């Protein structure tokens, strides 16, 4: 029974952090999470390398992806719980962490 409770708590915690991260993205739709920017930039480099060899990167890589929860979000949740930070302040700190969306060559 204790293992079941631990699994449920882990799943609920993950889902709650995921909701926080996704809500922060919807509050500023023109901004993205730094890990998404890093992924896009790496994908662009990969595409350029493929074009040099007359190949292409699978277009499915350019679609929306399910990203992992960032370590920043996990630490922010932990700190918010420890310090008793309000939900509004917590969400503001997540939104403040977002960055501008990169403009890729040949936007997909």
Protein backbone atom coordinates (compact mmCIF):
# COMPACT_ATOMS: atom_id res chain seq x y z
CA UNK A 1 0.00 0.00 0.00
CA UNK A 2 2.82 2.42 0.80
CA UNK A 3 4.40 1.81 -2.61
CA UNK A 4 1.09 2.55 -4.31
CA UNK A 5 0.78 5.78 -2.36
CA UNK A 6 4.36 6.73 -3.25
CA UNK A 7 3.68 6.07 -6.95
CA UNK A 8 0.50 8.15 -6.84
CA UNK A 9 2.27 11.01 -5.08
CA UNK A 10 5.11 10.90 -7.61
CA UNK A 11 2.66 10.98 -10.54
CA UNK A 12 0.67 13.82 -8.98
CA UNK A 13 3.84 15.81 -8.31
CA UNK A 14 5.04 15.32 -11.88
CA UNK A 15 1.67 16.35 -13.31
CA UNK A 16 1.51 19.41 -11.08
CA UNK A 17 5.00 20.56 -12.13
CA UNK A 18 4.08 19.93 -15.77
CA UNK A 19 0.96 22.11 -15.36
CA UNK A 20 3.02 24.91 -13.80
CA UNK A 21 5.53 24.81 -16.65
CA UNK A 22 2.87 24.72 -19.39
CA UNK A 23 0.81 27.51 -17.81
CA UNK A 24 3.90 29.70 -17.62
CA UNK A 25 4.38 29.17 -21.37
CA UNK A 26 0.77 30.11 -22.18
CA UNK A 27 0.99 33.37 -20.25
CA UNK A 28 3.61 34.63 -22.72
CA UNK A 29 3.00 32.68 -25.97
CA UNK A 30 5.75 34.47 -27.91
CA UNK A 31 8.30 33.19 -25.40
CA UNK A 32 9.60 29.66 -24.95
CA UNK A 33 11.49 27.72 -22.33
CA UNK A 34 15.31 27.86 -22.62
CA UNK A 35 15.47 24.08 -23.18
CA UNK A 36 13.09 24.43 -26.16
CA UNK A 37 15.33 27.15 -27.61
CA UNK A 38 18.40 24.96 -27.18
CA UNK A 39 16.59 22.06 -28.91
CA UNK A 40 15.55 24.29 -31.83
CA UNK A 41 19.06 25.63 -32.30
CA UNK A 42 20.56 22.11 -32.23
CA UNK A 43 17.94 20.97 -34.73
CA UNK A 44 18.83 23.84 -37.06
CA UNK A 45 22.52 22.86 -36.93
CA UNK A 46 21.55 19.27 -37.62
CA UNK A 47 19.48 20.39 -40.62
CA UNK A 48 22.36 22.45 -42.04
CA UNK A 49 24.73 19.50 -41.70
CA UNK A 50 22.22 17.23 -43.42
CA UNK A 51 21.77 19.70 -46.30
CA UNK A 52 25.54 19.75 -46.88
CA UNK A 53 25.31 16.01 -47.53
CA UNK A 54 22.15 16.33 -49.71
CA UNK A 55 20.01 14.81 -47.00
CA UNK A 56 17.27 16.11 -44.74
CA UNK A 57 16.15 15.88 -41.15
CA UNK A 58 12.84 14.11 -40.61
CA UNK A 59 10.13 16.82 -40.55
CA UNK A 60 8.54 15.23 -37.49
CA UNK A 61 11.43 16.59 -35.40
CA UNK A 62 10.18 20.12 -36.16
CA UNK A 63 6.72 19.49 -34.73
CA UNK A 64 5.76 20.35 -31.16
CA UNK A 65 7.42 18.00 -28.76
CA UNK A 66 6.80 16.93 -25.22
CA UNK A 67 9.74 18.36 -23.36
CA UNK A 68 11.06 17.18 -20.06
CA UNK A 69 10.35 19.22 -16.98
CA UNK A 70 13.31 21.50 -16.54
CA UNK A 71 15.48 21.26 -13.47
CA UNK A 72 14.78 24.96 -12.93
CA UNK A 73 11.05 24.23 -12.58
CA UNK A 74 11.72 21.38 -10.14
CA UNK A 75 14.00 23.56 -8.00
CA UNK A 76 11.52 26.44 -8.17
CA UNK A 77 8.70 24.20 -6.91
CA UNK A 78 10.90 22.92 -4.08
CA UNK A 79 11.91 26.46 -3.08
CA UNK A 80 8.31 27.71 -3.29
CA UNK A 81 7.17 24.96 -0.95
CA UNK A 82 10.05 25.53 1.50
CA UNK A 83 9.66 29.32 1.60
CA UNK A 84 5.86 29.39 1.42
CA UNK A 85 5.95 31.53 -1.72
CA UNK A 86 2.54 32.48 -3.11
CA UNK A 87 1.37 30.81 -6.30
CA UNK A 88 1.27 34.17 -8.09
CA UNK A 89 4.91 34.92 -7.26
CA UNK A 90 5.91 31.40 -8.19
CA UNK A 91 4.22 31.60 -11.61
CA UNK A 92 5.77 35.03 -12.21
CA UNK A 93 9.23 33.58 -11.56
CA UNK A 94 8.59 30.80 -14.08
CA UNK A 95 7.35 33.26 -16.73
CA UNK A 96 10.38 35.50 -16.11
CA UNK A 97 12.63 32.55 -17.01
CA UNK A 98 11.21 32.23 -20.56
CA UNK A 99 13.22 33.50 -23.54
CA UNK A 100 12.50 34.78 -27.04
CA UNK A 101 11.67 32.22 -29.69
CA UNK A 102 14.54 31.82 -32.22
CA UNK A 103 13.77 32.50 -35.86
CA UNK A 104 14.93 29.47 -37.78
CA UNK A 105 16.01 29.49 -41.40
CA UNK A 106 13.16 28.04 -43.45
CA UNK A 107 10.64 27.97 -40.59
CA UNK A 108 8.75 24.63 -40.57
